[in-house]
Structures are given as C-alpha cells and as structure tokens.
Amino acid sequence: MATITVAGLGPGRPGLITRESWALMEQAEHLILRTRIHPTAAALDQAGITYTTYDGFYEHAEDFESLYRAVAEDLIRRARQEGSLVYAVPGSPLVAERTVVLLRRLSVGSGVTVNILPGMSFVEVLYTRLGVDPISGLTILDAGDVGRFRERPVQSLVVTQIYNRQIASDTKLMLMEWYPDEYEVTYVHNLALPDESIRMIPLFELDRQPDIDHLTSLFLRAETKEE
C-alpha cells in the first residue's frame, strides 16, 4: 500500500526532534523535506541522512497556496510510484503547515495512506520562554490570515510566518486597526537557536527590524491578565 509518513523537524534545534521522527528519517528509503531552509537540515547532513527537497518548487509558484498544493499533489504521485516515503516539515506537522492540510485532503480516495507523527513546534518553546499557559486562551494566526479577522482577539495573540519585510509591513498595518501604534509587542526570532532573540518593540516598528525572515513570529499579550 502507498504510504506517506509525515514527520516534524522541530522548531530549530536538533535535540527537539522526537526520537521517533529521527529514527524514521534515518531509516527512510525516500525522505523528502519541504525545504532545506531550516536549521535542523544541517543535522541531517552531519548524520549522513540523504534526502531531496521541494525548494525548486518555490521558484516557479505564483503564490504560497499554489506552491503548497503542488507539493501535496507531487507527494501523492510519488507515493503511488514508490510505495512509501517520508515527508519532513519544519516544526510540527499539524501546526501552521498548509501542505499537510492539503495532503490529507488529497489522499482521500487516492489509495495513499497518510500517517502523521506528533512533533514539537515553535509554540511549545514560546510558551516556555514567555511564561504563557495556553489553557488561559491563546489565538495563533498565520500572518497571511490576520486580515480575515473582523475584530481584535480578546485573547493573547501569536502571529507566525512573518517571512519578510513586506509581510511584516502588511501584518503591522492590519494589526494597527486593532491595537495602538505604540502597543508593546514581543518580537521573536530564531526561537530555540543559539542566536535566539526575544525583544519588546512598539508595533509600528515591526517592519523596521533588521533580522526578519522565515523564523520570525510576534506575540501580543492581551491587556487583561490571562496567564
């Protein structure tokens, strides 16, 4: 039977990959990473684990949604041809990973079984660093989805996937419809890595930060005491 097993590469430090996922990647005949642009890819290289990636798909996609769909469709096609493969994604497979959502949908009726291993995402590290207990209420949004909200969240808010300065600018403008321009927010960069940076900045300075990239997130604490 054609099978795709999805594993997580963790939030950035190799030690945060689960033992189950690491063993699976070590033994995989066909290991595919969504992208090599993730800190733990270097650990796979050091361990001699071979893999291919979908980085080439990024060059031809018109937007992220078409990119993620192309990846999911290719995974289904390759599983039918090769029988079984392992697909590894940054963080946890079920936290802010659109390709896995699409993969699960496309697998229905395709003859391909999708198995998903639990993994650690950046949010578990975030809880620890910021002293946040999510049981008190927490909203987590992809930066691209911020504009879909029609009112300010009453809970504390995490905004992920702030890939570049343009996305940061768009996110800032949308958030400024709900929060004051000088609202103190927590800028999070390279979480769980040696050069991790967590700093307070006014909201209006979000897109002026010098280190914005794919490992940038934002935390906005609710004004009422929740944690």
C-alpha atoms as a PDB file:
ATOM      1  CA  MET A   1       0.000   0.000   0.000  1.00  0.00           C
ATOM      2  CA  ALA A   2       1.247   3.511  -0.835  1.00  0.00           C
ATOM      3  CA  THR A   3       2.043   5.364   2.381  1.00  0.00           C
ATOM      4  CA  ILE A   4       3.273   8.842   3.248  1.00  0.00           C
ATOM      5  CA  THR A   5       4.541   9.306   6.805  1.00  0.00           C
ATOM      6  CA  VAL A   6       4.854  12.933   7.863  1.00  0.00           C
ATOM      7  CA  ALA A   7       7.466  13.870  10.468  1.00  0.00           C
ATOM      8  CA  GLY A   8       8.405  17.180  12.062  1.00  0.00           C
ATOM      9  CA  LEU A   9      11.883  18.716  12.064  1.00  0.00           C
ATOM     10  CA  GLY A  10      11.153  20.575  15.285  1.00  0.00           C
ATOM     11  CA  PRO A  11      11.408  24.313  15.944  1.00  0.00           C
ATOM     12  CA  GLY A  12      15.096  24.631  15.119  1.00  0.00           C
ATOM     13  CA  ARG A  13      17.421  22.776  17.477  1.00  0.00           C
ATOM     14  CA  PRO A  14      18.128  19.140  16.505  1.00  0.00           C
ATOM     15  CA  GLY A  15      17.599  17.962  20.082  1.00  0.00           C
ATOM     16  CA  LEU A  16      13.954  18.970  19.835  1.00  0.00           C
ATOM     17  CA  ILE A  17      13.196  16.447  17.072  1.00  0.00           C
ATOM     18  CA  THR A  18      11.421  13.447  18.584  1.00  0.00           C
ATOM     19  CA  ARG A  19      13.366  10.189  18.729  1.00  0.00           C
ATOM     20  CA  GLU A  20      10.617   8.505  16.728  1.00  0.00           C
ATOM     21  CA  SER A  21      10.881  11.045  13.906  1.00  0.00           C
ATOM     22  CA  TRP A  22      14.678  10.939  13.855  1.00  0.00           C
ATOM     23  CA  ALA A  23      14.735   7.142  13.665  1.00  0.00           C
ATOM     24  CA  LEU A  24      12.173   7.213  10.858  1.00  0.00           C
ATOM     25  CA  MET A  25      14.251   9.682   8.829  1.00  0.00           C
ATOM     26  CA  GLU A  26      17.401   7.639   9.398  1.00  0.00           C
ATOM     27  CA  GLN A  27      15.723   4.513   8.028  1.00  0.00           C
ATOM     28  CA  ALA A  28      13.723   6.116   5.212  1.00  0.00           C
ATOM     29  CA  GLU A  29      14.429   4.939   1.692  1.00  0.00           C
ATOM     30  CA  HIS A  30      12.755   8.054   0.299  1.00  0.00           C
ATOM     31  CA  LEU A  31      12.997  11.131   2.554  1.00  0.00           C
ATOM     32  CA  ILE A  32      11.675  14.434   1.225  1.00  0.00           C
ATOM     33  CA  LEU A  33      11.930  17.772   3.025  1.00  0.00           C
ATOM     34  CA  ARG A  34       9.544  20.582   2.197  1.00  0.00           C
ATOM     35  CA  THR A  35      12.535  22.876   2.408  1.00  0.00           C
ATOM     36  CA  ARG A  36      16.187  22.664   3.304  1.00  0.00           C
ATOM     37  CA  ILE A  37      15.987  26.222   4.641  1.00  0.00           C
ATOM     38  CA  HIS A  38      15.589  25.081   8.227  1.00  0.00           C
ATOM     39  CA  PRO A  39      18.296  24.824  10.908  1.00  0.00           C
ATOM     40  CA  THR A  40      17.883  21.087  11.522  1.00  0.00           C
ATOM     41  CA  ALA A  41      18.690  20.244   7.898  1.00  0.00           C
ATOM     42  CA  ALA A  42      22.361  20.689   8.808  1.00  0.00           C
ATOM     43  CA  ALA A  43      21.995  17.999  11.493  1.00  0.00           C
ATOM     44  CA  LEU A  44      20.644  15.577   8.878  1.00  0.00           C
ATOM     45  CA  ASP A  45      23.667  16.335   6.710  1.00  0.00           C
ATOM     46  CA  GLN A  46      26.065  15.725   9.602  1.00  0.00           C
ATOM     47  CA  ALA A  47      24.392  12.401  10.327  1.00  0.00           C
ATOM     48  CA  GLY A  48      24.723  11.330   6.697  1.00  0.00           C
ATOM     49  CA  ILE A  49      20.965  11.168   6.159  1.00  0.00           C
ATOM     50  CA  THR A  50      20.145  11.650   2.490  1.00  0.00           C
ATOM     51  CA  TYR A  51      17.058  13.497   1.289  1.00  0.00           C
ATOM     52  CA  THR A  52      15.562  15.548  -1.507  1.00  0.00           C
ATOM     53  CA  THR A  53      13.622  18.795  -1.120  1.00  0.00           C
ATOM     54  CA  TYR A  54      10.876  20.845  -2.722  1.00  0.00           C
ATOM     55  CA  ASP A  55      12.956  24.015  -2.722  1.00  0.00           C
ATOM     56  CA  GLY A  56      12.883  24.062  -6.521  1.00  0.00           C
ATOM     57  CA  PHE A  57       9.095  24.389  -6.431  1.00  0.00           C
ATOM     58  CA  TYR A  58       9.398  27.787  -4.738  1.00  0.00           C
ATOM     59  CA  GLU A  59      10.980  29.298  -7.859  1.00  0.00           C
ATOM     60  CA  HIS A  60       8.008  28.587 -10.120  1.00  0.00           C
ATOM     61  CA  ALA A  61       4.964  29.006  -7.861  1.00  0.00           C
ATOM     62  CA  GLU A  62       2.783  32.095  -8.303  1.00  0.00           C
ATOM     63  CA  ASP A  63       1.871  32.194  -4.626  1.00  0.00           C
ATOM     64  CA  PHE A  64       2.169  30.095  -1.485  1.00  0.00           C
ATOM     65  CA  GLU A  65      -1.200  28.390  -1.904  1.00  0.00           C
ATOM     66  CA  SER A  66      -0.332  27.113  -5.385  1.00  0.00           C
ATOM     67  CA  LEU A  67       3.102  26.103  -4.102  1.00  0.00           C
ATOM     68  CA  TYR A  68       1.690  24.062  -1.230  1.00  0.00           C
ATOM     69  CA  ARG A  69      -0.878  22.387  -3.477  1.00  0.00           C
ATOM     70  CA  ALA A  70       1.834  21.459  -5.986  1.00  0.00           C
ATOM     71  CA  VAL A  71       3.885  19.896  -3.188  1.00  0.00           C
ATOM     72  CA  ALA A  72       0.925  17.891  -1.877  1.00  0.00           C
ATOM     73  CA  GLU A  73      -0.014  16.684  -5.360  1.00  0.00           C
ATOM     74  CA  ASP A  74       3.560  15.630  -6.066  1.00  0.00           C
ATOM     75  CA  LEU A  75       3.744  13.697  -2.801  1.00  0.00           C
ATOM     76  CA  ILE A  76       0.625  11.720  -3.734  1.00  0.00           C
ATOM     77  CA  ARG A  77       2.063  10.999  -7.181  1.00  0.00           C
ATOM     78  CA  ARG A  78       5.420   9.869  -5.821  1.00  0.00           C
ATOM     79  CA  ALA A  79       3.837   7.672  -3.131  1.00  0.00           C
ATOM     80  CA  ARG A  80       1.879   5.849  -5.831  1.00  0.00           C
ATOM     81  CA  GLN A  81       5.086   5.254  -7.760  1.00  0.00           C
ATOM     82  CA  GLU A  82       7.477   4.463  -4.904  1.00  0.00           C
ATOM     83  CA  GLY A  83       5.148   2.742  -2.435  1.00  0.00           C
ATOM     84  CA  SER A  84       6.166   4.594   0.692  1.00  0.00           C
ATOM     85  CA  LEU A  85       8.022   7.748   1.580  1.00  0.00           C
ATOM     86  CA  VAL A  86       8.731  10.057   4.492  1.00  0.00           C
ATOM     87  CA  TYR A  87       7.867  13.741   4.237  1.00  0.00           C
ATOM     88  CA  ALA A  88       9.545  16.063   6.776  1.00  0.00           C
ATOM     89  CA  VAL A  89       8.348  19.579   7.527  1.00  0.00           C
ATOM     90  CA  PRO A  90       9.603  22.376   9.794  1.00  0.00           C
ATOM     91  CA  GLY A  91       8.230  22.319  13.330  1.00  0.00           C
ATOM     92  CA  SER A  92       5.245  20.061  13.917  1.00  0.00           C
ATOM     93  CA  PRO A  93       3.254  18.556  11.009  1.00  0.00           C
ATOM     94  CA  LEU A  94      -0.001  19.865  12.464  1.00  0.00           C
ATOM     95  CA  VAL A  95       1.000  23.408  13.426  1.00  0.00           C
ATOM     96  CA  ALA A  96       0.933  26.045  10.666  1.00  0.00           C
ATOM     97  CA  GLU A  97       1.781  23.504   7.953  1.00  0.00           C
ATOM     98  CA  ARG A  98      -0.512  24.029   4.974  1.00  0.00           C
ATOM     99  CA  THR A  99       0.997  21.247   2.856  1.00  0.00           C
ATOM    100  CA  VAL A 100      -0.098  18.663   5.424  1.00  0.00           C
ATOM    101  CA  VAL A 101      -3.664  20.004   5.442  1.00  0.00           C
ATOM    102  CA  LEU A 102      -3.794  19.706   1.650  1.00  0.00           C
ATOM    103  CA  LEU A 103      -2.079  16.329   1.681  1.00  0.00           C
ATOM    104  CA  ARG A 104      -4.706  14.874   3.998  1.00  0.00           C
ATOM    105  CA  ARG A 105      -7.491  16.171   1.753  1.00  0.00           C
ATOM    106  CA  LEU A 106      -5.946  14.921  -1.472  1.00  0.00           C
ATOM    107  CA  SER A 107      -5.225  11.492  -0.010  1.00  0.00           C
ATOM    108  CA  VAL A 108      -8.932  10.730   0.440  1.00  0.00           C
ATOM    109  CA  GLY A 109      -9.880   8.205  -2.215  1.00  0.00           C
ATOM    110  CA  SER A 110      -6.392   8.309  -3.739  1.00  0.00           C
ATOM    111  CA  GLY A 111      -5.211   4.935  -2.481  1.00  0.00           C
ATOM    112  CA  VAL A 112      -2.492   6.649  -0.461  1.00  0.00           C
ATOM    113  CA  THR A 113      -2.448   6.418   3.332  1.00  0.00           C
ATOM    114  CA  VAL A 114      -1.109   9.427   5.250  1.00  0.00           C
ATOM    115  CA  ASN A 115       0.340   8.821   8.714  1.00  0.00           C
ATOM    116  CA  ILE A 116       1.317  11.807  10.841  1.00  0.00           C
ATOM    117  CA  LEU A 117       3.799  11.603  13.704  1.00  0.00           C
ATOM    118  CA  PRO A 118       3.471  14.027  16.630  1.00  0.00           C
ATOM    119  CA  GLY A 119       6.217  16.605  16.835  1.00  0.00           C
ATOM    120  CA  MET A 120       7.319  19.716  18.684  1.00  0.00           C
ATOM    121  CA  SER A 121       6.511  23.091  17.161  1.00  0.00           C
ATOM    122  CA  PHE A 122       7.818  26.542  17.981  1.00  0.00           C
ATOM    123  CA  VAL A 123       4.778  27.238  20.157  1.00  0.00           C
ATOM    124  CA  GLU A 124       5.920  24.832  22.895  1.00  0.00           C
ATOM    125  CA  VAL A 125       9.203  26.727  23.107  1.00  0.00           C
ATOM    126  CA  LEU A 126       7.315  30.027  23.009  1.00  0.00           C
ATOM    127  CA  TYR A 127       5.183  29.012  25.991  1.00  0.00           C
ATOM    128  CA  THR A 128       8.328  28.323  27.980  1.00  0.00           C
ATOM    129  CA  ARG A 129      10.213  31.476  27.002  1.00  0.00           C
ATOM    130  CA  LEU A 130       7.291  33.843  27.604  1.00  0.00           C
ATOM    131  CA  GLY A 131       5.696  32.051  30.535  1.00  0.00           C
ATOM    132  CA  VAL A 132       2.409  31.629  28.688  1.00  0.00           C
ATOM    133  CA  ASP A 133      -0.118  28.985  29.706  1.00  0.00           C
ATOM    134  CA  PRO A 134      -2.255  28.334  26.583  1.00  0.00           C
ATOM    135  CA  ILE A 135      -5.065  26.901  28.710  1.00  0.00           C
ATOM    136  CA  SER A 136      -5.884  30.513  29.603  1.00  0.00           C
ATOM    137  CA  GLY A 137      -6.654  31.205  25.951  1.00  0.00           C
ATOM    138  CA  LEU A 138      -4.412  31.951  23.011  1.00  0.00           C
ATOM    139  CA  THR A 139      -5.083  32.759  19.355  1.00  0.00           C
ATOM    140  CA  ILE A 140      -2.459  31.619  16.813  1.00  0.00           C
ATOM    141  CA  LEU A 141      -2.626  33.052  13.293  1.00  0.00           C
ATOM    142  CA  ASP A 142      -0.568  32.816  10.141  1.00  0.00           C
ATOM    143  CA  ALA A 143       0.458  36.335   9.080  1.00  0.00           C
ATOM    144  CA  GLY A 144      -1.470  35.817   5.859  1.00  0.00           C
ATOM    145  CA  ASP A 145      -4.689  35.219   7.813  1.00  0.00           C
ATOM    146  CA  VAL A 146      -4.601  38.287  10.061  1.00  0.00           C
ATOM    147  CA  GLY A 147      -6.742  40.285   7.642  1.00  0.00           C
ATOM    148  CA  ARG A 148      -9.558  37.724   7.839  1.00  0.00           C
ATOM    149  CA  PHE A 149     -10.373  38.721  11.410  1.00  0.00           C
ATOM    150  CA  ARG A 150     -13.052  41.380  11.725  1.00  0.00           C
ATOM    151  CA  GLU A 151     -12.329  42.387  15.313  1.00  0.00           C
ATOM    152  CA  ARG A 152      -9.489  42.349  17.791  1.00  0.00           C
ATOM    153  CA  PRO A 153      -8.954  38.988  19.531  1.00  0.00           C
ATOM    154  CA  VAL A 154      -9.823  39.087  23.218  1.00  0.00           C
ATOM    155  CA  GLN A 155      -7.044  36.595  23.972  1.00  0.00           C
ATOM    156  CA  SER A 156      -3.303  36.920  23.635  1.00  0.00           C
ATOM    157  CA  LEU A 157      -2.227  36.568  20.002  1.00  0.00           C
ATOM    158  CA  VAL A 158       0.656  34.806  18.241  1.00  0.00           C
ATOM    159  CA  VAL A 159       1.332  35.697  14.601  1.00  0.00           C
ATOM    160  CA  THR A 160       3.547  33.248  12.730  1.00  0.00           C
ATOM    161  CA  GLN A 161       5.149  33.030   9.270  1.00  0.00           C
ATOM    162  CA  ILE A 162       6.348  36.634   9.082  1.00  0.00           C
ATOM    163  CA  TYR A 163       8.676  35.663   6.245  1.00  0.00           C
ATOM    164  CA  ASN A 164       9.938  39.031   5.027  1.00  0.00           C
ATOM    165  CA  ARG A 165       9.703  42.801   5.377  1.00  0.00           C
ATOM    166  CA  GLN A 166       6.703  43.102   3.045  1.00  0.00           C
ATOM    167  CA  ILE A 167       4.693  40.573   5.054  1.00  0.00           C
ATOM    168  CA  ALA A 168       5.797  42.329   8.246  1.00  0.00           C
ATOM    169  CA  SER A 169       4.557  45.642   6.853  1.00  0.00           C
ATOM    170  CA  ASP A 170       1.196  44.194   5.805  1.00  0.00           C
ATOM    171  CA  THR A 171       0.821  42.486   9.191  1.00  0.00           C
ATOM    172  CA  LYS A 172       1.660  45.686  11.032  1.00  0.00           C
ATOM    173  CA  LEU A 173      -0.931  47.712   9.133  1.00  0.00           C
ATOM    174  CA  MET A 174      -3.649  45.145   9.776  1.00  0.00           C
ATOM    175  CA  LEU A 175      -2.793  44.845  13.468  1.00  0.00           C
ATOM    176  CA  MET A 176      -2.799  48.639  13.838  1.00  0.00           C
ATOM    177  CA  GLU A 177      -6.519  48.567  13.061  1.00  0.00           C
ATOM    178  CA  TRP A 178      -6.982  46.750  16.394  1.00  0.00           C
ATOM    179  CA  TYR A 179      -4.067  47.920  18.533  1.00  0.00           C
ATOM    180  CA  PRO A 180      -2.498  51.348  19.177  1.00  0.00           C
ATOM    181  CA  ASP A 181       0.528  52.146  17.007  1.00  0.00           C
ATOM    182  CA  GLU A 182       2.819  52.076  20.052  1.00  0.00           C
ATOM    183  CA  TYR A 183       1.352  48.915  21.554  1.00  0.00           C
ATOM    184  CA  GLU A 184       4.199  46.889  23.096  1.00  0.00           C
ATOM    185  CA  VAL A 185       4.589  43.576  21.274  1.00  0.00           C
ATOM    186  CA  THR A 186       7.109  40.758  21.656  1.00  0.00           C
ATOM    187  CA  TYR A 187       9.283  40.185  18.614  1.00  0.00           C
ATOM    188  CA  VAL A 188      10.518  36.582  18.444  1.00  0.00           C
ATOM    189  CA  HIS A 189      13.319  35.497  16.144  1.00  0.00           C
ATOM    190  CA  ASN A 190      15.292  32.234  15.807  1.00  0.00           C
ATOM    191  CA  LEU A 191      13.460  30.624  18.695  1.00  0.00           C
ATOM    192  CA  ALA A 192      15.374  27.696  20.274  1.00  0.00           C
ATOM    193  CA  LEU A 193      18.565  28.548  18.371  1.00  0.00           C
ATOM    194  CA  PRO A 194      21.854  29.866  19.816  1.00  0.00           C
ATOM    195  CA  ASP A 195      21.179  33.368  18.461  1.00  0.00           C
ATOM    196  CA  GLU A 196      17.577  33.460  19.677  1.00  0.00           C
ATOM    197  CA  SER A 197      16.238  36.979  20.102  1.00  0.00           C
ATOM    198  CA  ILE A 198      13.122  37.895  22.080  1.00  0.00           C
ATOM    199  CA  ARG A 199      12.596  41.623  22.467  1.00  0.00           C
ATOM    200  CA  MET A 200       9.886  44.158  23.132  1.00  0.00           C
ATOM    201  CA  ILE A 201       9.169  46.663  20.371  1.00  0.00           C
ATOM    202  CA  PRO A 202       6.344  49.110  19.598  1.00  0.00           C
ATOM    203  CA  LEU A 203       4.002  47.686  16.973  1.00  0.00           C
ATOM    204  CA  PHE A 204       4.767  50.422  14.439  1.00  0.00           C
ATOM    205  CA  GLU A 205       8.415  49.310  14.300  1.00  0.00           C
ATOM    206  CA  LEU A 206       7.642  45.711  13.297  1.00  0.00           C
ATOM    207  CA  ASP A 207       8.759  46.056   9.670  1.00  0.00           C
ATOM    208  CA  ARG A 208      11.871  48.023  10.656  1.00  0.00           C
ATOM    209  CA  GLN A 209      13.562  45.086  12.356  1.00  0.00           C
ATOM    210  CA  PRO A 210      16.855  44.078  10.685  1.00  0.00           C
ATOM    211  CA  ASP A 211      16.520  40.304  11.116  1.00  0.00           C
ATOM    212  CA  ILE A 212      13.083  39.482   9.677  1.00  0.00           C
ATOM    213  CA  ASP A 213      12.976  36.072   7.993  1.00  0.00           C
ATOM    214  CA  HIS A 214      11.105  32.740   7.966  1.00  0.00           C
ATOM    215  CA  LEU A 215      11.872  32.206  11.683  1.00  0.00           C
ATOM    216  CA  THR A 216      10.143  35.400  12.832  1.00  0.00           C
ATOM    217  CA  SER A 217       6.966  35.471  14.921  1.00  0.00           C
ATOM    218  CA  LEU A 218       5.104  38.027  17.006  1.00  0.00           C
ATOM    219  CA  PHE A 219       3.376  37.800  20.371  1.00  0.00           C
ATOM    220  CA  LEU A 220       0.767  40.307  21.534  1.00  0.00           C
ATOM    221  CA  ARG A 221      -0.265  39.875  25.128  1.00  0.00           C
ATOM    222  CA  ALA A 222      -3.892  40.581  25.977  1.00  0.00           C
ATOM    223  CA  GLU A 223      -4.448  43.662  28.095  1.00  0.00           C
ATOM    224  CA  THR A 224      -6.443  41.694  30.636  1.00  0.00           C
ATOM    225  CA  LYS A 225      -4.478  39.320  32.835  1.00  0.00           C
ATOM    226  CA  GLU A 226      -4.886  35.811  31.405  1.00  0.00           C
ATOM    227  CA  GLU A 227      -1.684  33.945  32.054  1.00  0.00           C
END
